[in-house]
Amino acid sequence: MDISLICMDIDGTLVNDRHIVPEENRVALREAAKRGIKLALISGRYPAGIRYVEEQIKADCIKAAYAGGYIFDAGGCLYSEYLSTELAFQIFDTAVEAGGDCWFFSGEKWYVEKINPWVETEIENVNSRPEIISIDRLDGIFRQTGTAPNKVLVTGSPQTVKKIYGILKPLSLNVRLAFSSPVYLEVTPTGIHKGFALEKLCEIYKIPIHNTVAFGDQDLDIPLIEKAGIGIAVANGVDALKKKADFITKSNNEGGVAYALGNILNII
């Protein structure tokens, strides 16, 4: 099979548990790029956090932030989809009332009301800092600029995040709810998911979808590997994803992306 596009989740898949791209993955991806294969980083992260990973690879990548809600490349934004501000603030109120935290992402911006341990961990993971702002002020910015959140992220302890999911799920809010980790619940517009991002990239770059390979580790990645020509789960992935995958490669700490590409593309 000819591969024209390699799509990768970042956390738990492309990067190791120290949030660094293993050297074997970097080498394999640079070799793929030299062969003319496009690389795409498809993540729940916001743009700065994805660029940080691209810089480690040292190869140009297409980037799909917010699980596909904001797609861009070196030339700028290719696609953007928003939640309504009213709905986003409703989710914020629900999360905070249940003891969790809630962050807002819009385009290149990451907004939080305060710095807490969850935010500090994310700052370290993505090597970037959010803008601290009140909800009232943020509402004003959205109204003034005519924008809105591409994504809302609910965070807290695993028990708290599950509780918030249990509250939100029955409300029929016309959003997509998906876990990207036990402590992260991603809220994106209906129809926006990583499988959509893959389809959109194939449409933009005129690539047959069967000429794609995709890697993932979490529930959020299931639509991605289901849509790809070859869907691959890393060994540390959740069982639900592994059941959907065509193949299971080594773990994120063992350079699983490189190992699979070595077999598919004969990259040493």
Protein backbone atom coordinates (compact mmCIF):
# COMPACT_ATOMS: atom_id res chain seq x y z
CA MET A 1 0.00 0.00 0.00
CA ASP A 2 1.27 3.49 -0.89
CA ILE A 3 1.23 5.80 2.14
CA SER A 4 0.78 9.52 1.46
CA LEU A 5 -0.21 10.76 4.93
CA ILE A 6 0.83 9.74 8.46
CA CYS A 7 -1.51 11.01 11.20
CA MET A 8 -0.48 10.87 14.84
CA ASP A 9 -1.99 11.58 18.19
CA ILE A 10 0.62 13.18 20.45
CA ASP A 11 0.20 12.42 24.15
CA GLY A 12 0.60 8.77 25.01
CA THR A 13 1.33 7.95 21.37
CA LEU A 14 4.04 9.97 19.63
CA VAL A 15 5.67 11.31 22.82
CA ASN A 16 6.88 9.22 25.73
CA ASP A 17 5.74 9.59 29.32
CA ARG A 18 8.21 12.48 29.75
CA HIS A 19 6.37 14.26 26.89
CA ILE A 20 9.40 14.01 24.62
CA VAL A 21 9.41 12.56 21.10
CA PRO A 22 11.76 9.52 21.26
CA GLU A 23 14.73 9.78 18.94
CA GLU A 24 13.68 6.72 16.93
CA ASN A 25 10.33 8.37 16.18
CA ARG A 26 12.05 11.58 15.08
CA VAL A 27 14.37 9.72 12.72
CA ALA A 28 11.56 7.63 11.20
CA LEU A 29 9.31 10.63 10.63
CA ARG A 30 12.06 12.71 9.05
CA GLU A 31 12.78 9.82 6.70
CA ALA A 32 9.09 9.56 5.81
CA ALA A 33 9.00 13.31 5.07
CA LYS A 34 12.06 12.96 2.81
CA ARG A 35 10.08 10.39 0.83
CA GLY A 36 7.34 12.94 0.25
CA ILE A 37 4.90 11.57 2.81
CA LYS A 38 2.93 14.26 4.64
CA LEU A 39 2.99 14.26 8.45
CA ALA A 40 0.01 15.38 10.51
CA LEU A 41 -0.17 15.91 14.27
CA ILE A 42 -3.81 15.48 15.31
CA SER A 43 -4.29 16.32 18.96
CA GLY A 44 -6.56 17.71 21.61
CA ARG A 45 -3.73 20.16 22.38
CA TYR A 46 -3.83 23.78 21.39
CA PRO A 47 -1.53 25.12 18.64
CA ALA A 48 1.49 26.14 20.75
CA GLY A 49 1.59 22.70 22.35
CA ILE A 50 1.56 21.03 18.92
CA ARG A 51 4.27 23.31 17.53
CA TYR A 52 6.45 22.32 20.49
CA VAL A 53 6.29 18.71 19.29
CA GLU A 54 6.83 19.68 15.64
CA GLU A 55 10.03 21.46 16.68
CA GLN A 56 11.29 18.25 18.26
CA ILE A 57 10.66 16.26 15.09
CA LYS A 58 12.41 18.90 12.95
CA ALA A 59 10.12 18.29 9.99
CA ASP A 60 7.16 20.30 8.70
CA CYS A 61 3.83 18.93 9.92
CA ILE A 62 0.20 19.70 9.26
CA LYS A 63 -1.43 20.43 12.60
CA ALA A 64 -4.98 19.71 13.74
CA ALA A 65 -5.63 21.18 17.18
CA TYR A 66 -8.67 20.58 19.41
CA ALA A 67 -9.23 17.14 17.86
CA GLY A 68 -9.78 18.76 14.46
CA GLY A 69 -11.61 21.95 15.42
CA TYR A 70 -8.71 24.13 14.27
CA ILE A 71 -6.56 22.87 11.38
CA PHE A 72 -3.51 24.78 10.16
CA ASP A 73 -0.18 24.42 8.40
CA ALA A 74 2.78 26.69 7.72
CA GLY A 75 0.54 28.88 5.56
CA GLY A 76 -2.04 29.53 8.30
CA CYS A 77 -5.52 28.36 9.26
CA LEU A 78 -7.20 25.86 6.95
CA TYR A 79 -10.37 25.20 8.97
CA SER A 80 -11.99 26.32 12.22
CA GLU A 81 -15.21 25.32 14.03
CA TYR A 82 -16.58 26.85 17.26
CA LEU A 83 -18.81 25.98 20.19
CA SER A 84 -21.36 28.61 21.20
CA THR A 85 -20.14 30.82 24.04
CA GLU A 86 -23.38 30.26 25.97
CA LEU A 87 -22.89 26.50 25.86
CA ALA A 88 -19.20 26.78 26.77
CA PHE A 89 -20.00 28.86 29.84
CA GLN A 90 -22.75 26.43 30.85
CA ILE A 91 -20.18 23.62 30.80
CA PHE A 92 -17.82 25.80 32.86
CA ASP A 93 -20.47 26.38 35.53
CA THR A 94 -21.27 22.67 35.69
CA ALA A 95 -17.61 21.66 35.99
CA VAL A 96 -16.76 24.17 38.70
CA GLU A 97 -19.89 23.36 40.71
CA ALA A 98 -18.90 19.67 40.65
CA GLY A 99 -15.40 20.44 41.94
CA GLY A 100 -13.51 20.38 38.66
CA ASP A 101 -11.78 22.95 36.52
CA CYS A 102 -12.54 24.18 33.01
CA TRP A 103 -10.29 25.72 30.35
CA PHE A 104 -11.18 27.50 27.11
CA PHE A 105 -9.31 27.25 23.82
CA SER A 106 -9.91 29.54 20.85
CA GLY A 107 -7.60 29.66 17.86
CA GLU A 108 -4.10 30.22 19.18
CA LYS A 109 -5.28 31.12 22.71
CA TRP A 110 -5.58 29.12 25.94
CA TYR A 111 -7.63 30.80 28.69
CA VAL A 112 -7.95 29.88 32.38
CA GLU A 113 -9.44 31.65 35.38
CA LYS A 114 -6.55 30.74 37.67
CA ILE A 115 -3.34 28.76 37.92
CA ASN A 116 -3.76 25.48 39.83
CA PRO A 117 -1.92 22.14 39.84
CA TRP A 118 -3.79 20.92 36.73
CA VAL A 119 -2.77 24.02 34.80
CA GLU A 120 0.82 23.81 36.06
CA THR A 121 1.06 20.23 34.81
CA GLU A 122 -0.21 21.23 31.38
CA ILE A 123 2.21 24.17 31.21
CA GLU A 124 5.05 21.72 31.72
CA ASN A 125 3.64 19.25 29.20
CA VAL A 126 3.15 21.73 26.34
CA ASN A 127 5.88 24.25 27.21
CA SER A 128 3.45 27.17 26.98
CA ARG A 129 1.42 29.29 29.38
CA PRO A 130 -2.28 30.25 29.30
CA GLU A 131 -3.81 33.70 29.61
CA ILE A 132 -5.43 34.22 33.01
CA ILE A 133 -8.78 35.95 32.61
CA SER A 134 -12.19 36.22 34.26
CA ILE A 135 -15.22 34.68 32.59
CA ASP A 136 -16.86 38.10 32.20
CA ARG A 137 -13.78 39.49 30.47
CA LEU A 138 -13.50 36.42 28.25
CA ASP A 139 -17.13 36.79 27.21
CA GLY A 140 -16.37 40.36 26.22
CA ILE A 141 -13.40 39.27 24.10
CA PHE A 142 -15.47 36.70 22.26
CA ARG A 143 -18.21 39.25 21.58
CA GLN A 144 -15.73 41.88 20.44
CA THR A 145 -13.79 39.59 18.11
CA GLY A 146 -16.72 37.54 16.83
CA THR A 147 -14.97 34.33 17.90
CA ALA A 148 -15.79 31.60 20.41
CA PRO A 149 -14.13 28.52 21.92
CA ASN A 150 -13.00 25.76 19.57
CA LYS A 151 -12.81 23.50 22.60
CA VAL A 152 -13.58 23.41 26.30
CA LEU A 153 -11.53 21.06 28.46
CA VAL A 154 -12.81 19.77 31.79
CA THR A 155 -10.15 18.57 34.21
CA GLY A 156 -9.78 17.39 37.79
CA SER A 157 -9.24 14.07 39.52
CA PRO A 158 -10.36 10.99 37.55
CA GLN A 159 -13.33 10.60 39.90
CA THR A 160 -14.37 14.24 39.49
CA VAL A 161 -14.05 14.19 35.70
CA LYS A 162 -16.15 11.02 35.50
CA LYS A 163 -18.75 12.69 37.71
CA ILE A 164 -18.89 15.75 35.43
CA TYR A 165 -19.17 13.51 32.37
CA GLY A 166 -22.12 11.78 34.06
CA ILE A 167 -23.81 15.14 34.57
CA LEU A 168 -23.18 16.45 31.05
CA LYS A 169 -23.90 13.31 29.04
CA PRO A 170 -27.70 13.15 29.63
CA LEU A 171 -28.20 16.86 28.88
CA SER A 172 -28.21 16.48 25.07
CA LEU A 173 -26.00 19.55 24.68
CA ASN A 174 -25.25 18.84 21.01
CA VAL A 175 -21.52 18.53 21.69
CA ARG A 176 -18.99 15.72 21.49
CA LEU A 177 -17.67 14.49 24.85
CA ALA A 178 -14.53 12.33 24.81
CA PHE A 179 -11.78 11.44 27.25
CA SER A 180 -8.23 12.14 26.09
CA SER A 181 -6.90 10.89 29.44
CA PRO A 182 -8.45 9.89 32.77
CA VAL A 183 -8.21 13.53 33.92
CA TYR A 184 -9.14 15.31 30.65
CA LEU A 185 -12.66 15.46 29.20
CA GLU A 186 -12.65 17.17 25.79
CA VAL A 187 -15.77 19.06 24.73
CA THR A 188 -15.89 19.93 21.03
CA PRO A 189 -18.61 20.81 18.50
CA THR A 190 -20.74 17.92 17.26
CA GLY A 191 -19.10 16.28 14.28
CA ILE A 192 -15.63 17.45 15.25
CA HIS A 193 -13.36 14.54 16.06
CA LYS A 194 -10.04 13.16 14.90
CA GLY A 195 -11.66 11.04 12.21
CA PHE A 196 -13.22 14.22 10.79
CA ALA A 197 -9.77 15.85 10.88
CA LEU A 198 -8.32 13.00 8.83
CA GLU A 199 -11.13 13.26 6.26
CA LYS A 200 -10.67 17.05 6.07
CA LEU A 201 -6.93 16.72 5.49
CA CYS A 202 -7.51 14.18 2.74
CA GLU A 203 -9.99 16.58 1.14
CA ILE A 204 -7.66 19.60 1.39
CA TYR A 205 -4.56 17.79 0.15
CA LYS A 206 -6.39 15.49 -2.29
CA ILE A 207 -5.12 12.29 -0.69
CA PRO A 208 -7.12 9.04 -0.97
CA ILE A 209 -8.11 8.07 2.55
CA HIS A 210 -6.94 4.49 2.00
CA ASN A 211 -3.41 5.86 1.55
CA THR A 212 -3.22 6.99 5.16
CA VAL A 213 -1.91 5.51 8.39
CA ALA A 214 -2.89 6.72 11.85
CA PHE A 215 -1.66 6.15 15.40
CA GLY A 216 -3.48 6.58 18.73
CA ASP A 217 -3.83 5.45 22.34
CA GLN A 218 -7.10 6.78 23.82
CA ASP A 219 -10.86 6.71 23.23
CA LEU A 220 -10.53 10.10 21.52
CA ASP A 221 -8.39 8.41 18.84
CA ILE A 222 -10.89 5.71 17.88
CA PRO A 223 -12.51 7.71 15.03
CA LEU A 224 -9.02 8.48 13.71
CA ILE A 225 -7.81 4.90 13.44
CA GLU A 226 -11.20 3.72 12.19
CA LYS A 227 -11.07 6.17 9.26
CA ALA A 228 -7.42 5.60 8.31
CA GLY A 229 -6.31 3.13 5.69
CA ILE A 230 -4.22 1.52 8.43
CA GLY A 231 -5.16 2.19 12.06
CA ILE A 232 -2.50 1.44 14.65
CA ALA A 233 -2.73 1.40 18.45
CA VAL A 234 0.31 1.73 20.69
CA ALA A 235 0.75 -1.05 23.25
CA ASN A 236 -0.12 1.29 26.13
CA GLY A 237 -3.43 2.22 24.51
CA VAL A 238 -6.84 1.58 26.02
CA ASP A 239 -8.53 -1.73 25.23
CA ALA A 240 -11.41 -0.10 23.34
CA LEU A 241 -8.95 1.42 20.87
CA LYS A 242 -6.91 -1.76 20.49
CA LYS A 243 -10.05 -3.67 19.51
CA LYS A 244 -10.60 -1.24 16.63
CA ALA A 245 -6.98 -1.15 15.43
CA ASP A 246 -5.59 -3.05 12.45
CA PHE A 247 -2.29 -3.50 14.29
CA ILE A 248 -0.81 -2.96 17.74
CA THR A 249 2.72 -1.58 17.88
CA LYS A 250 5.18 -1.04 20.73
CA SER A 251 4.38 1.45 23.49
CA ASN A 252 4.94 5.20 23.38
CA ASN A 253 8.01 4.74 25.59
CA GLU A 254 9.48 2.22 23.14
CA GLY A 255 9.18 4.29 19.96
CA GLY A 256 6.03 2.52 18.82
CA VAL A 257 5.45 4.91 15.91
CA ALA A 258 8.94 4.25 14.52
CA TYR A 259 8.58 0.50 15.02
CA ALA A 260 5.34 0.38 13.01
CA LEU A 261 6.65 2.65 10.25
CA GLY A 262 9.73 0.45 10.02
CA ASN A 263 7.48 -2.46 9.13
CA ILE A 264 5.09 -0.53 6.86
CA LEU A 265 7.61 1.66 5.02
CA ASN A 266 10.82 -0.32 5.56
CA ILE A 267 12.32 2.59 7.47
CA ILE A 268 15.29 1.50 9.54
